[in-house]
PDB file of N, CA and C in Angstrom:
ATOM      1  N   MET A   1       0.979 -25.474   2.969  1.00  0.00           N
ATOM      2  CA  MET A   1       0.831 -24.081   2.312  1.00  0.00           C
ATOM      3  C   MET A   1       0.978 -24.180   0.811  1.00  0.00           C
ATOM      4  N   THR A   2       0.175 -23.801   0.104  1.00  0.00           N
ATOM      5  CA  THR A   2       0.274 -23.734  -1.389  1.00  0.00           C
ATOM      6  C   THR A   2       1.042 -22.606  -1.871  1.00  0.00           C
ATOM      7  N   THR A   3       1.491 -22.640  -3.012  1.00  0.00           N
ATOM      8  CA  THR A   3       2.274 -21.641  -3.727  1.00  0.00           C
ATOM      9  C   THR A   3       1.806 -20.137  -3.800  1.00  0.00           C
ATOM     10  N   THR A   4       0.343 -20.211  -3.701  1.00  0.00           N
ATOM     11  CA  THR A   4      -0.602 -18.955  -3.826  1.00  0.00           C
ATOM     12  C   THR A   4      -0.466 -18.327  -2.916  1.00  0.00           C
ATOM     13  N   ASN A   5      -0.487 -19.217  -1.555  1.00  0.00           N
ATOM     14  CA  ASN A   5      -0.269 -18.465  -0.064  1.00  0.00           C
ATOM     15  C   ASN A   5       1.031 -17.994   0.158  1.00  0.00           C
ATOM     16  N   PHE A   6       1.806 -19.033  -0.403  1.00  0.00           N
ATOM     17  CA  PHE A   6       3.240 -18.581   0.004  1.00  0.00           C
ATOM     18  C   PHE A   6       3.750 -17.115  -0.936  1.00  0.00           C
ATOM     19  N   THR A   7       3.152 -17.132  -1.980  1.00  0.00           N
ATOM     20  CA  THR A   7       3.564 -15.636  -2.792  1.00  0.00           C
ATOM     21  C   THR A   7       2.849 -14.531  -2.114  1.00  0.00           C
ATOM     22  N   PHE A   8       1.531 -14.930  -1.688  1.00  0.00           N
ATOM     23  CA  PHE A   8       0.528 -13.711  -1.163  1.00  0.00           C
ATOM     24  C   PHE A   8       1.524 -13.355   0.143  1.00  0.00           C
ATOM     25  N   TYR A   9       1.852 -14.199   1.099  1.00  0.00           N
ATOM     26  CA  TYR A   9       2.554 -13.897   2.491  1.00  0.00           C
ATOM     27  C   TYR A   9       3.903 -13.215   2.092  1.00  0.00           C
ATOM     28  N   ALA A  10       4.581 -13.760   1.177  1.00  0.00           N
ATOM     29  CA  ALA A  10       5.809 -13.264   0.635  1.00  0.00           C
ATOM     30  C   ALA A  10       5.694 -11.857   0.352  1.00  0.00           C
ATOM     31  N   THR A  11       4.679 -11.323  -0.753  1.00  0.00           N
ATOM     32  CA  THR A  11       4.554 -10.122  -1.162  1.00  0.00           C
ATOM     33  C   THR A  11       4.318  -9.339   0.220  1.00  0.00           C
ATOM     34  N   PHE A  12       3.648  -9.520   0.877  1.00  0.00           N
ATOM     35  CA  PHE A  12       2.965  -8.728   1.882  1.00  0.00           C
ATOM     36  C   PHE A  12       4.416  -8.460   2.932  1.00  0.00           C
ATOM     37  N   MET A  13       4.970  -9.781   3.044  1.00  0.00           N
ATOM     38  CA  MET A  13       6.270  -9.258   4.061  1.00  0.00           C
ATOM     39  C   MET A  13       7.462  -8.516   3.692  1.00  0.00           C
ATOM     40  N   LEU A  14       7.504  -8.667   2.469  1.00  0.00           N
ATOM     41  CA  LEU A  14       8.562  -8.157   1.452  1.00  0.00           C
ATOM     42  C   LEU A  14       8.098  -6.436   1.476  1.00  0.00           C
ATOM     43  N   ALA A  15       6.838  -5.961   1.345  1.00  0.00           N
ATOM     44  CA  ALA A  15       6.487  -4.954   1.537  1.00  0.00           C
ATOM     45  C   ALA A  15       6.519  -4.226   2.727  1.00  0.00           C
ATOM     46  N   ILE A  16       6.141  -5.202   3.944  1.00  0.00           N
ATOM     47  CA  ILE A  16       6.538  -4.591   5.278  1.00  0.00           C
ATOM     48  C   ILE A  16       8.075  -4.324   5.553  1.00  0.00           C
ATOM     49  N   THR A  17       8.794  -5.367   5.059  1.00  0.00           N
ATOM     50  CA  THR A  17      10.136  -5.207   5.132  1.00  0.00           C
ATOM     51  C   THR A  17      10.896  -3.971   4.392  1.00  0.00           C
ATOM     52  N   GLY A  18      10.035  -3.572   3.338  1.00  0.00           N
ATOM     53  CA  GLY A  18      10.417  -2.550   2.493  1.00  0.00           C
ATOM     54  C   GLY A  18      10.271  -1.200   3.216  1.00  0.00           C
ATOM     55  N   LEU A  19       8.983  -1.056   3.914  1.00  0.00           N
ATOM     56  CA  LEU A  19       8.646  -0.160   4.805  1.00  0.00           C
ATOM     57  C   LEU A  19       9.432   0.289   6.047  1.00  0.00           C
ATOM     58  N   THR A  20       9.655  -0.844   6.654  1.00  0.00           N
ATOM     59  CA  THR A  20      10.595  -0.653   7.760  1.00  0.00           C
ATOM     60  C   THR A  20      11.845  -0.113   7.608  1.00  0.00           C
ATOM     61  N   PHE A  21      12.612  -0.782   6.480  1.00  0.00           N
ATOM     62  CA  PHE A  21      14.075  -0.471   6.441  1.00  0.00           C
ATOM     63  C   PHE A  21      14.385   0.576   5.292  1.00  0.00           C
ATOM     64  N   HIS A  22      13.631   0.917   4.510  1.00  0.00           N
ATOM     65  CA  HIS A  22      13.834   1.974   3.549  1.00  0.00           C
ATOM     66  C   HIS A  22      12.550   2.920   3.512  1.00  0.00           C
ATOM     67  N   ARG A  23      12.433   3.831   4.573  1.00  0.00           N
ATOM     68  CA  ARG A  23      11.618   4.905   4.844  1.00  0.00           C
ATOM     69  C   ARG A  23      12.257   6.215   5.005  1.00  0.00           C
ATOM     70  N   ALA A  24      13.441   6.590   4.042  1.00  0.00           N
ATOM     71  CA  ALA A  24      13.943   7.627   4.012  1.00  0.00           C
ATOM     72  C   ALA A  24      13.438   8.756   3.162  1.00  0.00           C
ATOM     73  N   HIS A  25      12.753   8.463   2.289  1.00  0.00           N
ATOM     74  CA  HIS A  25      11.739   9.233   1.245  1.00  0.00           C
ATOM     75  C   HIS A  25      10.570   8.765   1.339  1.00  0.00           C
ATOM     76  N   LEU A  26       9.649   9.905   1.258  1.00  0.00           N
ATOM     77  CA  LEU A  26       8.249   9.764   1.231  1.00  0.00           C
ATOM     78  C   LEU A  26       7.443   8.605   0.385  1.00  0.00           C
ATOM     79  N   LEU A  27       7.972   9.013  -1.015  1.00  0.00           N
ATOM     80  CA  LEU A  27       7.683   8.253  -2.216  1.00  0.00           C
ATOM     81  C   LEU A  27       7.963   6.372  -1.868  1.00  0.00           C
ATOM     82  N   SER A  28       9.212   6.048  -1.377  1.00  0.00           N
ATOM     83  CA  SER A  28       9.421   4.892  -1.155  1.00  0.00           C
ATOM     84  C   SER A  28       8.284   4.179  -0.212  1.00  0.00           C
ATOM     85  N   ALA A  29       8.094   4.941   1.167  1.00  0.00           N
ATOM     86  CA  ALA A  29       7.181   4.547   1.852  1.00  0.00           C
ATOM     87  C   ALA A  29       5.977   4.632   1.255  1.00  0.00           C
ATOM     88  N   LEU A  30       5.433   5.230   0.410  1.00  0.00           N
ATOM     89  CA  LEU A  30       4.080   5.199  -0.359  1.00  0.00           C
ATOM     90  C   LEU A  30       4.111   3.888  -1.188  1.00  0.00           C
ATOM     91  N   ILE A  31       5.110   3.663  -1.926  1.00  0.00           N
ATOM     92  CA  ILE A  31       5.417   2.681  -2.908  1.00  0.00           C
ATOM     93  C   ILE A  31       5.218   1.258  -1.853  1.00  0.00           C
ATOM     94  N   CYS A  32       5.706   1.032  -0.911  1.00  0.00           N
ATOM     95  CA  CYS A  32       5.474   0.020  -0.063  1.00  0.00           C
ATOM     96  C   CYS A  32       4.154  -0.260   0.733  1.00  0.00           C
ATOM     97  N   LEU A  33       3.577   0.734   0.905  1.00  0.00           N
ATOM     98  CA  LEU A  33       2.214   0.792   1.186  1.00  0.00           C
ATOM     99  C   LEU A  33       1.122   0.436   0.032  1.00  0.00           C
ATOM    100  N   GLU A  34       1.504   0.632  -1.172  1.00  0.00           N
ATOM    101  CA  GLU A  34       0.641   0.302  -2.295  1.00  0.00           C
ATOM    102  C   GLU A  34       0.816  -1.089  -2.372  1.00  0.00           C
ATOM    103  N   GLY A  35       2.290  -1.607  -2.178  1.00  0.00           N
ATOM    104  CA  GLY A  35       2.471  -3.074  -2.559  1.00  0.00           C
ATOM    105  C   GLY A  35       1.649  -3.782  -1.541  1.00  0.00           C
ATOM    106  N   MET A  36       1.567  -3.299  -0.216  1.00  0.00           N
ATOM    107  CA  MET A  36       0.659  -3.889   1.013  1.00  0.00           C
ATOM    108  C   MET A  36      -0.669  -3.978   0.454  1.00  0.00           C
ATOM    109  N   MET A  37      -1.495  -3.143   0.061  1.00  0.00           N
ATOM    110  CA  MET A  37      -2.680  -2.917  -0.269  1.00  0.00           C
ATOM    111  C   MET A  37      -2.720  -3.874  -1.632  1.00  0.00           C
ATOM    112  N   LEU A  38      -2.191  -4.021  -2.558  1.00  0.00           N
ATOM    113  CA  LEU A  38      -2.296  -4.569  -3.788  1.00  0.00           C
ATOM    114  C   LEU A  38      -1.837  -6.463  -3.306  1.00  0.00           C
ATOM    115  N   SER A  39      -1.167  -6.579  -2.464  1.00  0.00           N
ATOM    116  CA  SER A  39      -1.128  -8.224  -2.054  1.00  0.00           C
ATOM    117  C   SER A  39      -2.369  -8.290  -1.292  1.00  0.00           C
ATOM    118  N   MET A  40      -2.798  -7.406  -0.242  1.00  0.00           N
ATOM    119  CA  MET A  40      -4.236  -7.803   0.297  1.00  0.00           C
ATOM    120  C   MET A  40      -5.155  -8.013  -0.748  1.00  0.00           C
ATOM    121  N   TYR A  41      -5.497  -7.054  -1.852  1.00  0.00           N
ATOM    122  CA  TYR A  41      -5.991  -7.437  -2.709  1.00  0.00           C
ATOM    123  C   TYR A  41      -6.355  -8.666  -3.430  1.00  0.00           C
ATOM    124  N   ILE A  42      -4.947  -9.049  -4.104  1.00  0.00           N
ATOM    125  CA  ILE A  42      -4.745 -10.315  -4.595  1.00  0.00           C
ATOM    126  C   ILE A  42      -5.298 -11.414  -3.619  1.00  0.00           C
ATOM    127  N   GLY A  43      -4.909 -11.299  -2.384  1.00  0.00           N
ATOM    128  CA  GLY A  43      -5.221 -12.561  -1.759  1.00  0.00           C
ATOM    129  C   GLY A  43      -6.955 -12.250  -1.441  1.00  0.00           C
ATOM    130  N   PHE A  44      -7.200 -11.520  -1.073  1.00  0.00           N
ATOM    131  CA  PHE A  44      -8.723 -11.353  -0.732  1.00  0.00           C
ATOM    132  C   PHE A  44      -9.547 -11.736  -2.059  1.00  0.00           C
ATOM    133  N   ALA A  45      -9.079 -11.743  -3.327  1.00  0.00           N
ATOM    134  CA  ALA A  45      -9.674 -11.992  -4.548  1.00  0.00           C
ATOM    135  C   ALA A  45      -9.651 -13.525  -4.769  1.00  0.00           C
ATOM    136  N   LEU A  46      -8.404 -13.886  -4.192  1.00  0.00           N
ATOM    137  CA  LEU A  46      -8.262 -15.646  -4.293  1.00  0.00           C
ATOM    138  C   LEU A  46      -8.992 -16.090  -3.191  1.00  0.00           C
ATOM    139  N   TRP A  47      -9.179 -15.511  -2.060  1.00  0.00           N
ATOM    140  CA  TRP A  47     -10.251 -16.056  -1.121  1.00  0.00           C
ATOM    141  C   TRP A  47     -11.240 -16.301  -1.836  1.00  0.00           C
ATOM    142  N   CYS A  48     -11.885 -15.303  -2.303  1.00  0.00           N
ATOM    143  CA  CYS A  48     -13.266 -15.202  -2.773  1.00  0.00           C
ATOM    144  C   CYS A  48     -13.485 -16.274  -3.728  1.00  0.00           C
ATOM    145  N   LEU A  49     -12.734 -16.431  -4.521  1.00  0.00           N
ATOM    146  CA  LEU A  49     -12.335 -17.495  -5.797  1.00  0.00           C
ATOM    147  C   LEU A  49     -12.372 -18.786  -4.996  1.00  0.00           C
ATOM    148  N   GLN A  50     -11.574 -18.974  -3.974  1.00  0.00           N
ATOM    149  CA  GLN A  50     -11.385 -20.542  -3.316  1.00  0.00           C
ATOM    150  C   GLN A  50     -12.569 -21.015  -2.849  1.00  0.00           C
ATOM    151  N   THR A  51     -13.440 -19.818  -1.865  1.00  0.00           N
ATOM    152  CA  THR A  51     -14.591 -20.225  -1.203  1.00  0.00           C
ATOM    153  C   THR A  51     -15.851 -20.096  -2.180  1.00  0.00           C
ATOM    154  N   GLU A  52     -15.493 -19.309  -3.167  1.00  0.00           N
ATOM    155  CA  GLU A  52     -16.774 -19.297  -4.042  1.00  0.00           C
ATOM    156  C   GLU A  52     -18.268 -18.616  -3.416  1.00  0.00           C
ATOM    157  N   ALA A  53     -17.601 -17.565  -2.654  1.00  0.00           N
ATOM    158  CA  ALA A  53     -18.681 -16.529  -1.988  1.00  0.00           C
ATOM    159  C   ALA A  53     -18.986 -15.658  -2.709  1.00  0.00           C
ATOM    160  N   LEU A  54     -20.301 -15.847  -3.129  1.00  0.00           N
ATOM    161  CA  LEU A  54     -20.794 -14.520  -3.959  1.00  0.00           C
ATOM    162  C   LEU A  54     -21.300 -13.316  -3.286  1.00  0.00           C
ATOM    163  N   LEU A  55     -21.273 -13.416  -1.986  1.00  0.00           N
ATOM    164  CA  LEU A  55     -21.877 -12.645  -1.180  1.00  0.00           C
ATOM    165  C   LEU A  55     -20.565 -11.368  -1.040  1.00  0.00           C
ATOM    166  N   PHE A  56     -19.482 -11.860  -1.067  1.00  0.00           N
ATOM    167  CA  PHE A  56     -18.308 -11.160  -0.934  1.00  0.00           C
ATOM    168  C   PHE A  56     -17.328 -11.063  -2.191  1.00  0.00           C
ATOM    169  N   SER A  57     -17.672 -11.020  -3.638  1.00  0.00           N
ATOM    170  CA  SER A  57     -17.299 -11.317  -4.873  1.00  0.00           C
ATOM    171  C   SER A  57     -17.237  -9.727  -5.013  1.00  0.00           C
ATOM    172  N   LEU A  58     -17.649  -8.668  -4.608  1.00  0.00           N
ATOM    173  CA  LEU A  58     -17.708  -7.207  -4.907  1.00  0.00           C
ATOM    174  C   LEU A  58     -16.757  -6.613  -3.752  1.00  0.00           C
ATOM    175  N   SER A  59     -16.275  -7.266  -2.663  1.00  0.00           N
ATOM    176  CA  SER A  59     -15.225  -6.372  -1.835  1.00  0.00           C
ATOM    177  C   SER A  59     -14.141  -6.321  -2.239  1.00  0.00           C
ATOM    178  N   PRO A  60     -13.429  -7.358  -3.056  1.00  0.00           N
ATOM    179  CA  PRO A  60     -12.008  -6.845  -3.811  1.00  0.00           C
ATOM    180  C   PRO A  60     -11.948  -5.726  -4.512  1.00  0.00           C
ATOM    181  N   MET A  61     -12.818  -5.314  -5.064  1.00  0.00           N
ATOM    182  CA  MET A  61     -13.232  -4.123  -6.047  1.00  0.00           C
ATOM    183  C   MET A  61     -13.496  -2.931  -5.225  1.00  0.00           C
ATOM    184  N   ILE A  62     -13.901  -3.252  -3.954  1.00  0.00           N
ATOM    185  CA  ILE A  62     -13.904  -2.143  -3.090  1.00  0.00           C
ATOM    186  C   ILE A  62     -12.908  -1.703  -2.610  1.00  0.00           C
ATOM    187  N   LEU A  63     -11.965  -2.518  -2.068  1.00  0.00           N
ATOM    188  CA  LEU A  63     -10.495  -2.504  -1.716  1.00  0.00           C
ATOM    189  C   LEU A  63      -9.664  -2.221  -2.620  1.00  0.00           C
ATOM    190  N   LEU A  64      -9.907  -2.223  -3.856  1.00  0.00           N
ATOM    191  CA  LEU A  64      -9.158  -1.514  -5.132  1.00  0.00           C
ATOM    192  C   LEU A  64      -9.411  -0.220  -5.191  1.00  0.00           C
ATOM    193  N   THR A  65     -10.540   0.324  -4.990  1.00  0.00           N
ATOM    194  CA  THR A  65     -11.261   1.458  -5.265  1.00  0.00           C
ATOM    195  C   THR A  65     -10.590   2.336  -4.054  1.00  0.00           C
ATOM    196  N   PHE A  66     -10.478   1.884  -2.375  1.00  0.00           N
ATOM    197  CA  PHE A  66      -9.866   2.480  -1.654  1.00  0.00           C
ATOM    198  C   PHE A  66      -8.330   2.810  -1.700  1.00  0.00           C
ATOM    199  N   SER A  67      -7.893   1.533  -2.253  1.00  0.00           N
ATOM    200  CA  SER A  67      -6.323   1.652  -2.709  1.00  0.00           C
ATOM    201  C   SER A  67      -5.731   2.857  -3.640  1.00  0.00           C
ATOM    202  N   ALA A  68      -6.962   2.767  -4.535  1.00  0.00           N
ATOM    203  CA  ALA A  68      -6.634   4.082  -5.504  1.00  0.00           C
ATOM    204  C   ALA A  68      -6.703   5.354  -4.935  1.00  0.00           C
ATOM    205  N   CYS A  69      -7.729   5.535  -3.980  1.00  0.00           N
ATOM    206  CA  CYS A  69      -8.063   6.726  -3.408  1.00  0.00           C
ATOM    207  C   CYS A  69      -6.745   7.095  -2.392  1.00  0.00           C
ATOM    208  N   GLU A  70      -6.261   6.010  -1.679  1.00  0.00           N
ATOM    209  CA  GLU A  70      -5.278   6.123  -1.022  1.00  0.00           C
ATOM    210  C   GLU A  70      -3.867   6.523  -1.595  1.00  0.00           C
ATOM    211  N   ALA A  71      -3.813   6.026  -2.843  1.00  0.00           N
ATOM    212  CA  ALA A  71      -2.673   6.276  -3.580  1.00  0.00           C
ATOM    213  C   ALA A  71      -2.800   7.886  -4.013  1.00  0.00           C
ATOM    214  N   ALA A  72      -4.004   8.329  -4.510  1.00  0.00           N
ATOM    215  CA  ALA A  72      -3.946   9.597  -5.092  1.00  0.00           C
ATOM    216  C   ALA A  72      -3.976  10.661  -3.831  1.00  0.00           C
ATOM    217  N   ALA A  73      -4.576  10.417  -2.582  1.00  0.00           N
ATOM    218  CA  ALA A  73      -4.236  11.172  -1.690  1.00  0.00           C
ATOM    219  C   ALA A  73      -2.817  11.129  -0.909  1.00  0.00           C
ATOM    220  N   GLY A  74      -1.856  10.025  -0.995  1.00  0.00           N
ATOM    221  CA  GLY A  74      -0.381  10.071  -0.929  1.00  0.00           C
ATOM    222  C   GLY A  74       0.302  11.075  -1.676  1.00  0.00           C
ATOM    223  N   LEU A  75      -0.048  10.594  -3.410  1.00  0.00           N
ATOM    224  CA  LEU A  75       0.659  11.522  -4.261  1.00  0.00           C
ATOM    225  C   LEU A  75       0.595  12.959  -4.112  1.00  0.00           C
ATOM    226  N   ALA A  76      -0.798  13.502  -3.394  1.00  0.00           N
ATOM    227  CA  ALA A  76      -0.850  14.822  -3.034  1.00  0.00           C
ATOM    228  C   ALA A  76      -0.112  15.325  -2.303  1.00  0.00           C
ATOM    229  N   ILE A  77       0.002  14.437  -1.203  1.00  0.00           N
ATOM    230  CA  ILE A  77       0.744  15.042   0.027  1.00  0.00           C
ATOM    231  C   ILE A  77       2.202  15.051  -0.328  1.00  0.00           C
ATOM    232  N   LEU A  78       2.591  14.037  -1.362  1.00  0.00           N
ATOM    233  CA  LEU A  78       3.846  13.985  -1.997  1.00  0.00           C
ATOM    234  C   LEU A  78       4.285  15.335  -2.473  1.00  0.00           C
ATOM    235  N   VAL A  79       3.338  15.992  -3.237  1.00  0.00           N
ATOM    236  CA  VAL A  79       3.853  16.952  -4.088  1.00  0.00           C
ATOM    237  C   VAL A  79       3.772  18.386  -3.437  1.00  0.00           C
ATOM    238  N   GLY A  80       2.708  18.123  -2.198  1.00  0.00           N
ATOM    239  CA  GLY A  80       2.318  19.189  -1.492  1.00  0.00           C
ATOM    240  C   GLY A  80       3.809  19.448  -0.755  1.00  0.00           C
ATOM    241  N   THR A  81       3.979  18.408   0.061  1.00  0.00           N
ATOM    242  CA  THR A  81       5.496  18.308   0.803  1.00  0.00           C
ATOM    243  C   THR A  81       6.796  18.946   0.158  1.00  0.00           C
ATOM    244  N   THR A  82       6.707  18.322  -1.301  1.00  0.00           N
ATOM    245  CA  THR A  82       8.053  18.625  -2.112  1.00  0.00           C
ATOM    246  C   THR A  82       7.841  20.088  -2.425  1.00  0.00           C
ATOM    247  N   ARG A  83       6.780  20.975  -2.620  1.00  0.00           N
ATOM    248  CA  ARG A  83       6.477  22.248  -2.832  1.00  0.00           C
ATOM    249  C   ARG A  83       6.916  22.991  -1.617  1.00  0.00           C
ATOM    250  N   THR A  84       6.376  22.756  -0.474  1.00  0.00           N
ATOM    251  CA  THR A  84       6.751  23.431   0.932  1.00  0.00           C
ATOM    252  C   THR A  84       8.369  23.152   1.419  1.00  0.00           C
ATOM    253  N   HIS A  85       8.825  21.939   1.262  1.00  0.00           N
ATOM    254  CA  HIS A  85       9.818  21.670   2.114  1.00  0.00           C
ATOM    255  C   HIS A  85      11.072  21.658   1.103  1.00  0.00           C
ATOM    256  N   GLY A  86      10.949  21.529  -0.463  1.00  0.00           N
ATOM    257  CA  GLY A  86      12.041  21.149  -1.112  1.00  0.00           C
ATOM    258  C   GLY A  86      12.250  19.861  -1.446  1.00  0.00           C
ATOM    259  N   SER A  87      12.087  19.018  -0.756  1.00  0.00           N
ATOM    260  CA  SER A  87      12.603  17.590  -0.712  1.00  0.00           C
ATOM    261  C   SER A  87      11.371  16.791  -0.345  1.00  0.00           C
ATOM    262  N   ASP A  88      11.410  15.482  -0.322  1.00  0.00           N
ATOM    263  CA  ASP A  88      10.418  14.500   0.432  1.00  0.00           C
ATOM    264  C   ASP A  88      11.467  13.421   1.349  1.00  0.00           C
ATOM    265  N   LEU A  89      12.192  14.215   1.778  1.00  0.00           N
ATOM    266  CA  LEU A  89      12.763  13.288   2.986  1.00  0.00           C
ATOM    267  C   LEU A  89      11.870  13.373   4.161  1.00  0.00           C
ATOM    268  N   MET A  90      12.207  12.060   4.619  1.00  0.00           N
ATOM    269  CA  MET A  90      11.138  11.675   5.838  1.00  0.00           C
ATOM    270  C   MET A  90      11.562  12.638   7.153  1.00  0.00           C
ATOM    271  N   GLN A  91      12.766  12.646   7.114  1.00  0.00           N
ATOM    272  CA  GLN A  91      13.448  13.481   8.366  1.00  0.00           C
ATOM    273  C   GLN A  91      13.143  15.100   8.389  1.00  0.00           C
ATOM    274  N   ASN A  92      12.561  15.528   7.147  1.00  0.00           N
ATOM    275  CA  ASN A  92      12.332  16.623   7.135  1.00  0.00           C
ATOM    276  C   ASN A  92      10.762  17.274   7.599  1.00  0.00           C
ATOM    277  N   LEU A  93      10.365  15.944   7.596  1.00  0.00           N
ATOM    278  CA  LEU A  93       8.699  16.402   7.750  1.00  0.00           C
ATOM    279  C   LEU A  93       8.556  16.209   9.223  1.00  0.00           C
ATOM    280  N   THR A  94       7.918  17.148   9.937  1.00  0.00           N
ATOM    281  CA  THR A  94       7.289  17.117  11.505  1.00  0.00           C
ATOM    282  C   THR A  94       6.443  17.911  11.561  1.00  0.00           C
ATOM    283  N   LEU A  95       5.174  17.502  12.362  1.00  0.00           N
ATOM    284  CA  LEU A  95       3.967  18.098  12.650  1.00  0.00           C
ATOM    285  C   LEU A  95       4.383  19.632  13.283  1.00  0.00           C
ATOM    286  N   LEU A  96       5.362  20.215  13.747  1.00  0.00           N
ATOM    287  CA  LEU A  96       5.617  21.083  14.184  1.00  0.00           C
ATOM    288  C   LEU A  96       5.776  22.465  13.123  1.00  0.00           C
ATOM    289  N   GLN A  97       6.212  21.861  12.149  1.00  0.00           N
ATOM    290  CA  GLN A  97       6.525  23.020  10.947  1.00  0.00           C
ATOM    291  C   GLN A  97       5.052  23.297  10.043  1.00  0.00           C
ATOM    292  N   CYS A  98       4.047  22.328  10.367  1.00  0.00           N
ATOM    293  CA  CYS A  98       2.832  22.648   9.462  1.00  0.00           C
ATOM    294  C   CYS A  98       2.000  23.962   9.983  1.00  0.00           C
TER     295      CYS A  98
END
């Protein structure tokens, strides 16, 4: 395993671990999800560079665009829940209150 592969796997697993253990606040969960998306982007871009696949060279940019849209939607949900519930605690968010 090369150091780039190890770094990619380590960042992805660190983001999953953070999402698993530190999900008291919605903002920390969103940051962990964003870290997972960015590590996937880096891995996908490195894969395209290593294989020299011209067909898939645009795919990392599409993934980064979807990641930015996901971050914008997540922050909009964060602002909405903070305004309605008064905090961003995950234990206060239930579907029965919506």
